[in-house]
Amino acid sequence: MIIDVENSIWYTGSGSNIEYHDIVTQVKKCISGGGKVFVGTDSFISKNKVNFASAICIHGDGNGGKYFFAKEFLPKKKFEILVYRITEEVSRSVQIGENFMLKHNIDAADIELHIDVSPFHMRAATSKFADMLSGYVNGAGFECRVKPDAWASQSVADKHSK
């Protein structure tokens, strides 16, 4: 599913609305100061819907860190199969990263994508998808982290998917 990154409703970590172009400005400022952007998406299934929450986190420019998030609720029926839901999470993060690269001239080397899957050797429910989804992220040109190093998805986005 293609998402409209620029026209999604974005929030600061404290819950205030923020325009996407203001996020891009802060991301560029962070990167110019030596920082990096981390993107992750998580989902949560409730009674009849799935909440996808994507997080854009910036850190490492000497000014601490901050994050922004967007949420979208979709019908549960389409995402009841785990691989479909996890692939959608990763696709959303890739689309955010590609938006930064292609529309805002942010180098892929400054963007790290965090995916909410366990490594293959852990034998968790998502482990069998780790190589496929890491390959998807790397093939799109981004550095990729999986659990337990995928904090942008498994901690920040997770907080807002519930």
N, C-alpha and C. Protein backbone atom coordinates (compact mmCIF):
# COMPACT_ATOMS: atom_id res chain seq x y z
N MET A 1 0.85 -1.18 0.00
CA MET A 1 0.00 0.00 0.00
C MET A 1 0.90 1.24 0.00
N ILE A 2 0.58 2.16 -0.86
CA ILE A 2 1.36 3.39 -0.94
C ILE A 2 0.78 4.39 0.05
N ILE A 3 1.66 4.98 0.84
CA ILE A 3 1.21 5.97 1.83
C ILE A 3 1.59 7.37 1.33
N ASP A 4 0.85 8.36 1.77
CA ASP A 4 1.13 9.75 1.43
C ASP A 4 1.90 10.37 2.59
N VAL A 5 3.21 10.18 2.56
CA VAL A 5 4.08 10.61 3.66
C VAL A 5 3.90 12.09 3.95
N GLU A 6 3.91 12.90 2.91
CA GLU A 6 3.89 14.36 3.08
C GLU A 6 2.57 14.88 3.63
N ASN A 7 1.47 14.18 3.33
CA ASN A 7 0.16 14.66 3.77
C ASN A 7 -0.43 13.86 4.93
N SER A 8 0.35 12.97 5.51
CA SER A 8 -0.10 12.27 6.71
C SER A 8 -0.17 13.27 7.86
N ILE A 9 -0.92 12.94 8.87
CA ILE A 9 -0.98 13.80 10.06
C ILE A 9 0.15 13.37 10.99
N TRP A 10 1.09 14.26 11.20
CA TRP A 10 2.28 13.97 12.02
C TRP A 10 2.18 14.69 13.36
N TYR A 11 2.80 14.06 14.36
CA TYR A 11 2.80 14.59 15.71
C TYR A 11 4.23 14.59 16.25
N THR A 12 4.49 15.48 17.19
CA THR A 12 5.75 15.44 17.92
C THR A 12 5.64 14.34 18.97
N GLY A 13 6.74 14.01 19.61
CA GLY A 13 6.71 13.00 20.66
C GLY A 13 5.78 13.36 21.80
N SER A 14 5.54 14.66 22.00
CA SER A 14 4.64 15.08 23.08
C SER A 14 3.18 15.17 22.63
N GLY A 15 2.93 14.85 21.35
CA GLY A 15 1.55 14.79 20.87
C GLY A 15 1.04 16.02 20.17
N SER A 16 1.88 17.04 19.97
CA SER A 16 1.45 18.23 19.24
C SER A 16 1.53 17.98 17.74
N ASN A 17 0.61 18.55 16.99
CA ASN A 17 0.67 18.44 15.54
C ASN A 17 1.90 19.16 15.00
N ILE A 18 2.46 18.61 13.93
CA ILE A 18 3.60 19.23 13.27
C ILE A 18 3.48 18.97 11.77
N GLU A 19 3.81 19.96 10.99
CA GLU A 19 3.78 19.81 9.53
C GLU A 19 4.99 19.00 9.08
N TYR A 20 4.80 18.21 8.05
CA TYR A 20 5.88 17.36 7.57
C TYR A 20 7.10 18.17 7.14
N HIS A 21 6.87 19.32 6.48
CA HIS A 21 8.02 20.13 6.05
C HIS A 21 8.84 20.62 7.26
N ASP A 22 8.20 20.80 8.41
CA ASP A 22 8.94 21.18 9.62
C ASP A 22 9.77 20.01 10.14
N ILE A 23 9.27 18.78 9.97
CA ILE A 23 10.06 17.60 10.33
C ILE A 23 11.28 17.52 9.43
N VAL A 24 11.09 17.71 8.13
CA VAL A 24 12.20 17.66 7.18
C VAL A 24 13.27 18.70 7.55
N THR A 25 12.84 19.89 7.92
CA THR A 25 13.78 20.95 8.32
C THR A 25 14.60 20.50 9.53
N GLN A 26 13.94 19.89 10.52
CA GLN A 26 14.65 19.44 11.72
C GLN A 26 15.57 18.27 11.41
N VAL A 27 15.14 17.38 10.52
CA VAL A 27 15.97 16.25 10.11
C VAL A 27 17.24 16.77 9.44
N LYS A 28 17.10 17.71 8.52
CA LYS A 28 18.26 18.26 7.81
C LYS A 28 19.21 18.97 8.77
N LYS A 29 18.66 19.69 9.72
CA LYS A 29 19.49 20.38 10.72
C LYS A 29 20.26 19.37 11.56
N CYS A 30 19.59 18.31 11.97
CA CYS A 30 20.24 17.26 12.77
C CYS A 30 21.38 16.63 11.98
N ILE A 31 21.12 16.28 10.74
CA ILE A 31 22.13 15.63 9.91
C ILE A 31 23.32 16.57 9.66
N SER A 32 23.04 17.84 9.42
CA SER A 32 24.15 18.79 9.18
C SER A 32 25.02 18.96 10.42
N GLY A 33 24.46 18.65 11.60
CA GLY A 33 25.22 18.71 12.84
C GLY A 33 25.87 17.39 13.21
N GLY A 34 25.84 16.43 12.30
CA GLY A 34 26.48 15.13 12.54
C GLY A 34 25.55 14.05 13.03
N GLY A 35 24.26 14.32 13.10
CA GLY A 35 23.30 13.34 13.58
C GLY A 35 22.79 12.44 12.47
N LYS A 36 21.80 11.66 12.82
CA LYS A 36 21.25 10.66 11.91
C LYS A 36 19.75 10.56 12.13
N VAL A 37 19.04 10.06 11.12
CA VAL A 37 17.60 9.84 11.23
C VAL A 37 17.34 8.34 11.26
N PHE A 38 16.43 7.94 12.12
CA PHE A 38 16.06 6.54 12.32
C PHE A 38 14.56 6.43 12.08
N VAL A 39 14.16 5.48 11.25
CA VAL A 39 12.75 5.35 10.90
C VAL A 39 12.30 3.92 11.23
N GLY A 40 11.13 3.83 11.85
CA GLY A 40 10.58 2.51 12.17
C GLY A 40 9.07 2.57 12.19
N THR A 41 8.45 1.43 11.90
CA THR A 41 6.99 1.31 11.93
C THR A 41 6.62 0.06 12.69
N ASP A 42 5.55 0.15 13.46
CA ASP A 42 5.01 -1.01 14.16
C ASP A 42 3.50 -1.01 13.96
N SER A 43 2.88 -2.13 14.28
CA SER A 43 1.43 -2.22 14.15
C SER A 43 0.84 -2.95 15.35
N PHE A 44 -0.45 -2.72 15.53
CA PHE A 44 -1.17 -3.36 16.63
C PHE A 44 -2.57 -3.71 16.14
N ILE A 45 -2.96 -4.95 16.35
CA ILE A 45 -4.28 -5.40 15.94
C ILE A 45 -5.26 -5.25 17.10
N SER A 46 -6.37 -4.60 16.83
CA SER A 46 -7.44 -4.55 17.81
C SER A 46 -8.64 -5.30 17.24
N LYS A 47 -9.79 -5.10 17.79
CA LYS A 47 -10.97 -5.90 17.44
C LYS A 47 -11.20 -6.03 15.93
N ASN A 48 -11.27 -4.90 15.22
CA ASN A 48 -11.56 -4.99 13.79
C ASN A 48 -10.67 -4.08 12.94
N LYS A 49 -9.57 -3.62 13.51
CA LYS A 49 -8.68 -2.75 12.76
C LYS A 49 -7.22 -2.99 13.16
N VAL A 50 -6.33 -2.48 12.32
CA VAL A 50 -4.90 -2.52 12.60
C VAL A 50 -4.41 -1.08 12.62
N ASN A 51 -3.68 -0.72 13.66
CA ASN A 51 -3.09 0.61 13.75
C ASN A 51 -1.63 0.51 13.35
N PHE A 52 -1.27 1.18 12.27
CA PHE A 52 0.13 1.28 11.86
C PHE A 52 0.65 2.62 12.38
N ALA A 53 1.74 2.58 13.12
CA ALA A 53 2.38 3.80 13.63
C ALA A 53 3.81 3.84 13.11
N SER A 54 4.15 4.95 12.47
CA SER A 54 5.50 5.14 11.95
C SER A 54 6.18 6.24 12.75
N ALA A 55 7.45 6.04 13.05
CA ALA A 55 8.22 7.00 13.82
C ALA A 55 9.44 7.46 13.03
N ILE A 56 9.69 8.76 13.10
CA ILE A 56 10.90 9.37 12.56
C ILE A 56 11.64 9.92 13.77
N CYS A 57 12.82 9.37 14.04
CA CYS A 57 13.59 9.76 15.21
C CYS A 57 14.89 10.42 14.74
N ILE A 58 15.28 11.49 15.41
CA ILE A 58 16.56 12.13 15.09
C ILE A 58 17.41 12.17 16.35
N HIS A 59 18.71 11.93 16.15
CA HIS A 59 19.61 11.85 17.30
C HIS A 59 21.05 11.98 16.83
N GLY A 60 21.89 12.51 17.71
CA GLY A 60 23.32 12.48 17.47
C GLY A 60 23.93 13.78 17.01
N ASP A 61 23.17 14.87 17.06
CA ASP A 61 23.75 16.15 16.64
C ASP A 61 24.19 16.99 17.84
N GLY A 62 24.26 16.37 19.02
CA GLY A 62 24.66 17.10 20.22
C GLY A 62 23.50 17.76 20.94
N ASN A 63 22.30 17.65 20.41
CA ASN A 63 21.12 18.28 21.02
C ASN A 63 20.13 17.26 21.56
N GLY A 64 20.63 16.09 21.93
CA GLY A 64 19.73 15.05 22.41
C GLY A 64 18.99 14.42 21.25
N GLY A 65 17.80 13.95 21.52
CA GLY A 65 17.01 13.31 20.46
C GLY A 65 15.57 13.73 20.54
N LYS A 66 14.88 13.55 19.43
CA LYS A 66 13.44 13.80 19.40
C LYS A 66 12.83 12.92 18.34
N TYR A 67 11.52 12.79 18.40
CA TYR A 67 10.87 11.96 17.41
C TYR A 67 9.51 12.52 17.03
N PHE A 68 9.03 12.02 15.89
CA PHE A 68 7.75 12.40 15.33
C PHE A 68 7.05 11.11 14.92
N PHE A 69 5.72 11.12 14.91
CA PHE A 69 5.02 9.91 14.53
C PHE A 69 3.72 10.23 13.80
N ALA A 70 3.29 9.24 13.01
CA ALA A 70 2.01 9.30 12.32
C ALA A 70 1.34 7.95 12.49
N LYS A 71 0.01 7.96 12.51
CA LYS A 71 -0.74 6.71 12.68
C LYS A 71 -1.78 6.60 11.58
N GLU A 72 -2.08 5.35 11.24
CA GLU A 72 -3.16 5.09 10.30
C GLU A 72 -3.87 3.80 10.71
N PHE A 73 -5.19 3.86 10.77
CA PHE A 73 -6.00 2.70 11.11
C PHE A 73 -6.57 2.11 9.82
N LEU A 74 -6.37 0.80 9.65
CA LEU A 74 -6.87 0.11 8.45
C LEU A 74 -7.66 -1.13 8.88
N PRO A 75 -8.53 -1.62 7.99
CA PRO A 75 -9.32 -2.81 8.33
C PRO A 75 -8.42 -4.01 8.64
N LYS A 76 -8.78 -4.72 9.67
CA LYS A 76 -8.00 -5.88 10.14
C LYS A 76 -7.94 -6.99 9.10
N LYS A 77 -9.00 -7.17 8.37
CA LYS A 77 -9.14 -8.30 7.46
C LYS A 77 -7.95 -8.46 6.51
N LYS A 78 -7.41 -7.36 6.03
CA LYS A 78 -6.32 -7.40 5.06
C LYS A 78 -4.98 -7.80 5.69
N PHE A 79 -4.85 -7.68 7.00
CA PHE A 79 -3.55 -7.85 7.65
C PHE A 79 -3.55 -8.93 8.73
N GLU A 80 -4.46 -9.86 8.66
CA GLU A 80 -4.51 -10.92 9.67
C GLU A 80 -3.34 -11.89 9.55
N ILE A 81 -2.77 -12.02 8.36
CA ILE A 81 -1.62 -12.90 8.16
C ILE A 81 -0.36 -12.11 8.51
N LEU A 82 0.45 -12.67 9.39
CA LEU A 82 1.61 -11.95 9.94
C LEU A 82 2.54 -11.40 8.87
N VAL A 83 2.88 -12.18 7.87
CA VAL A 83 3.83 -11.71 6.86
C VAL A 83 3.28 -10.49 6.11
N TYR A 84 1.99 -10.40 5.89
CA TYR A 84 1.41 -9.24 5.22
C TYR A 84 1.56 -7.99 6.09
N ARG A 85 1.28 -8.15 7.38
CA ARG A 85 1.35 -7.02 8.30
C ARG A 85 2.79 -6.54 8.48
N ILE A 86 3.72 -7.47 8.67
CA ILE A 86 5.13 -7.10 8.88
C ILE A 86 5.70 -6.46 7.61
N THR A 87 5.34 -6.99 6.46
CA THR A 87 5.81 -6.42 5.19
C THR A 87 5.25 -5.01 5.01
N GLU A 88 4.02 -4.79 5.40
CA GLU A 88 3.43 -3.45 5.33
C GLU A 88 4.18 -2.48 6.24
N GLU A 89 4.54 -2.93 7.43
CA GLU A 89 5.32 -2.08 8.34
C GLU A 89 6.62 -1.63 7.67
N VAL A 90 7.33 -2.59 7.11
CA VAL A 90 8.63 -2.28 6.49
C VAL A 90 8.43 -1.39 5.27
N SER A 91 7.41 -1.67 4.48
CA SER A 91 7.13 -0.85 3.30
C SER A 91 6.88 0.60 3.68
N ARG A 92 6.17 0.83 4.76
CA ARG A 92 5.91 2.20 5.21
C ARG A 92 7.21 2.90 5.60
N SER A 93 8.09 2.20 6.28
CA SER A 93 9.37 2.81 6.66
C SER A 93 10.22 3.10 5.43
N VAL A 94 10.25 2.18 4.48
CA VAL A 94 11.00 2.39 3.24
C VAL A 94 10.44 3.61 2.50
N GLN A 95 9.13 3.75 2.44
CA GLN A 95 8.53 4.90 1.75
C GLN A 95 8.91 6.22 2.42
N ILE A 96 8.99 6.24 3.74
CA ILE A 96 9.41 7.45 4.44
C ILE A 96 10.87 7.75 4.10
N GLY A 97 11.73 6.72 4.15
CA GLY A 97 13.13 6.91 3.79
C GLY A 97 13.30 7.38 2.36
N GLU A 98 12.54 6.78 1.44
CA GLU A 98 12.63 7.20 0.03
C GLU A 98 12.15 8.63 -0.16
N ASN A 99 11.13 9.04 0.61
CA ASN A 99 10.66 10.42 0.53
C ASN A 99 11.78 11.38 0.93
N PHE A 100 12.49 11.06 2.01
CA PHE A 100 13.61 11.90 2.43
C PHE A 100 14.67 11.98 1.33
N MET A 101 14.99 10.84 0.74
CA MET A 101 16.03 10.80 -0.29
C MET A 101 15.61 11.51 -1.57
N LEU A 102 14.47 11.11 -2.11
CA LEU A 102 14.10 11.54 -3.45
C LEU A 102 13.49 12.94 -3.51
N LYS A 103 12.77 13.33 -2.48
CA LYS A 103 12.13 14.65 -2.51
C LYS A 103 12.87 15.71 -1.71
N HIS A 104 13.75 15.29 -0.81
CA HIS A 104 14.39 16.26 0.08
C HIS A 104 15.92 16.15 0.09
N ASN A 105 16.46 15.37 -0.83
CA ASN A 105 17.92 15.25 -1.02
C ASN A 105 18.68 14.88 0.24
N ILE A 106 18.12 13.98 1.02
CA ILE A 106 18.81 13.48 2.21
C ILE A 106 19.48 12.17 1.81
N ASP A 107 20.75 12.06 2.09
CA ASP A 107 21.53 10.89 1.68
C ASP A 107 21.07 9.65 2.44
N ALA A 108 20.97 8.53 1.72
CA ALA A 108 20.56 7.27 2.34
C ALA A 108 21.49 6.87 3.48
N ALA A 109 22.76 7.28 3.41
CA ALA A 109 23.71 6.95 4.47
C ALA A 109 23.34 7.61 5.79
N ASP A 110 22.50 8.63 5.75
CA ASP A 110 22.09 9.33 6.97
C ASP A 110 20.77 8.80 7.53
N ILE A 111 20.25 7.75 6.90
CA ILE A 111 18.95 7.19 7.28
C ILE A 111 19.14 5.72 7.65
N GLU A 112 18.65 5.35 8.83
CA GLU A 112 18.71 3.96 9.27
C GLU A 112 17.28 3.49 9.52
N LEU A 113 16.92 2.36 8.92
CA LEU A 113 15.58 1.82 9.10
C LEU A 113 15.61 0.69 10.12
N HIS A 114 14.69 0.74 11.06
CA HIS A 114 14.56 -0.27 12.11
C HIS A 114 13.31 -1.08 11.83
N ILE A 115 13.48 -2.40 11.73
CA ILE A 115 12.33 -3.26 11.45
C ILE A 115 12.06 -4.17 12.63
N ASP A 116 10.79 -4.33 12.92
CA ASP A 116 10.34 -5.03 14.12
C ASP A 116 10.27 -6.54 13.89
N VAL A 117 11.41 -7.13 13.54
CA VAL A 117 11.49 -8.58 13.38
C VAL A 117 12.69 -9.08 14.17
N SER A 118 12.61 -10.31 14.60
CA SER A 118 13.72 -10.95 15.31
C SER A 118 14.68 -11.54 14.30
N PRO A 119 15.97 -11.62 14.66
CA PRO A 119 16.92 -12.23 13.74
C PRO A 119 16.58 -13.71 13.50
N PHE A 120 17.04 -14.24 12.38
CA PHE A 120 16.71 -15.60 11.98
C PHE A 120 17.04 -16.63 13.05
N HIS A 121 18.19 -16.47 13.71
CA HIS A 121 18.63 -17.47 14.70
C HIS A 121 17.76 -17.51 15.96
N MET A 122 16.93 -16.49 16.18
CA MET A 122 16.09 -16.45 17.38
C MET A 122 14.86 -17.37 17.29
N ARG A 123 14.48 -17.75 16.11
CA ARG A 123 13.35 -18.64 15.88
C ARG A 123 12.03 -18.12 16.47
N ALA A 124 11.85 -16.81 16.47
CA ALA A 124 10.59 -16.20 16.90
C ALA A 124 9.63 -16.19 15.71
N ALA A 125 8.40 -15.76 15.93
CA ALA A 125 7.38 -15.78 14.88
C ALA A 125 7.82 -14.98 13.65
N THR A 126 8.53 -13.88 13.86
CA THR A 126 8.93 -13.03 12.74
C THR A 126 10.31 -13.39 12.18
N SER A 127 11.02 -14.30 12.83
CA SER A 127 12.40 -14.62 12.44
C SER A 127 12.52 -15.10 11.00
N LYS A 128 11.54 -15.87 10.54
CA LYS A 128 11.63 -16.42 9.19
C LYS A 128 11.52 -15.34 8.11
N PHE A 129 11.10 -14.14 8.49
CA PHE A 129 10.99 -13.03 7.53
C PHE A 129 12.18 -12.08 7.60
N ALA A 130 13.08 -12.29 8.55
CA ALA A 130 14.17 -11.34 8.79
C ALA A 130 15.06 -11.13 7.57
N ASP A 131 15.50 -12.20 6.94
CA ASP A 131 16.38 -12.05 5.78
C ASP A 131 15.67 -11.37 4.62
N MET A 132 14.44 -11.77 4.35
CA MET A 132 13.67 -11.17 3.25
C MET A 132 13.49 -9.67 3.47
N LEU A 133 13.07 -9.28 4.68
CA LEU A 133 12.78 -7.88 4.93
C LEU A 133 14.04 -7.04 5.07
N SER A 134 15.10 -7.60 5.63
CA SER A 134 16.38 -6.89 5.66
C SER A 134 16.89 -6.66 4.24
N GLY A 135 16.71 -7.66 3.38
CA GLY A 135 17.10 -7.53 1.99
C GLY A 135 16.31 -6.45 1.28
N TYR A 136 15.03 -6.35 1.58
CA TYR A 136 14.17 -5.30 1.01
C TYR A 136 14.72 -3.93 1.40
N VAL A 137 15.01 -3.74 2.68
CA VAL A 137 15.52 -2.46 3.18
C VAL A 137 16.89 -2.15 2.57
N ASN A 138 17.80 -3.11 2.58
CA ASN A 138 19.13 -2.90 2.00
C ASN A 138 19.04 -2.64 0.50
N GLY A 139 18.16 -3.37 -0.18
CA GLY A 139 17.98 -3.18 -1.61
C GLY A 139 17.46 -1.79 -1.95
N ALA A 140 16.72 -1.18 -1.03
CA ALA A 140 16.23 0.18 -1.22
C ALA A 140 17.33 1.20 -0.92
N GLY A 141 18.48 0.72 -0.40
CA GLY A 141 19.62 1.61 -0.18
C GLY A 141 19.84 2.05 1.25
N PHE A 142 19.12 1.44 2.19
CA PHE A 142 19.21 1.88 3.58
C PHE A 142 19.92 0.87 4.46
N GLU A 143 20.54 1.37 5.51
CA GLU A 143 21.07 0.51 6.57
C GLU A 143 19.87 0.00 7.35
N CYS A 144 19.96 -1.22 7.84
CA CYS A 144 18.83 -1.87 8.49
C CYS A 144 19.23 -2.44 9.85
N ARG A 145 18.35 -2.31 10.82
CA ARG A 145 18.54 -2.92 12.13
C ARG A 145 17.31 -3.77 12.45
N VAL A 146 17.54 -4.93 13.07
CA VAL A 146 16.47 -5.79 13.55
C VAL A 146 16.57 -5.87 15.07
N LYS A 147 15.60 -6.52 15.70
CA LYS A 147 15.63 -6.68 17.16
C LYS A 147 16.94 -7.36 17.57
N PRO A 148 17.54 -7.02 18.63
CA PRO A 148 17.11 -6.08 19.67
C PRO A 148 17.57 -4.64 19.42
N ASP A 149 18.16 -4.37 18.24
CA ASP A 149 18.70 -3.03 17.95
C ASP A 149 17.73 -2.14 17.19
N ALA A 150 16.51 -2.57 16.99
CA ALA A 150 15.52 -1.84 16.20
C ALA A 150 14.63 -0.97 17.09
N TRP A 151 15.22 -0.11 17.86
CA TRP A 151 14.47 0.66 18.86
C TRP A 151 13.44 1.63 18.26
N ALA A 152 13.68 2.15 17.06
CA ALA A 152 12.71 3.09 16.47
C ALA A 152 11.38 2.41 16.19
N SER A 153 11.43 1.12 15.83
CA SER A 153 10.17 0.39 15.60
C SER A 153 9.67 -0.28 16.86
N GLN A 154 10.54 -1.02 17.55
CA GLN A 154 10.05 -1.83 18.66
C GLN A 154 9.79 -1.04 19.95
N SER A 155 10.29 0.18 20.04
CA SER A 155 10.01 0.98 21.23
C SER A 155 9.19 2.23 20.89
N VAL A 156 9.73 3.08 20.00
CA VAL A 156 9.07 4.35 19.73
C VAL A 156 7.75 4.16 18.96
N ALA A 157 7.81 3.50 17.80
CA ALA A 157 6.58 3.28 17.03
C ALA A 157 5.61 2.39 17.81
N ASP A 158 6.14 1.39 18.49
CA ASP A 158 5.30 0.49 19.29
C ASP A 158 4.46 1.26 20.29
N LYS A 159 5.04 2.26 20.93
CA LYS A 159 4.32 3.06 21.92
C LYS A 159 3.07 3.69 21.33
N HIS A 160 3.13 4.08 20.06
CA HIS A 160 2.02 4.78 19.44
C HIS A 160 1.12 3.88 18.61
N SER A 161 1.47 2.62 18.52
CA SER A 161 0.60 1.68 17.78
C SER A 161 -0.49 1.11 18.67
N LYS A 162 -0.33 1.21 19.96
CA LYS A 162 -1.30 0.64 20.91
C LYS A 162 -2.55 1.49 21.04
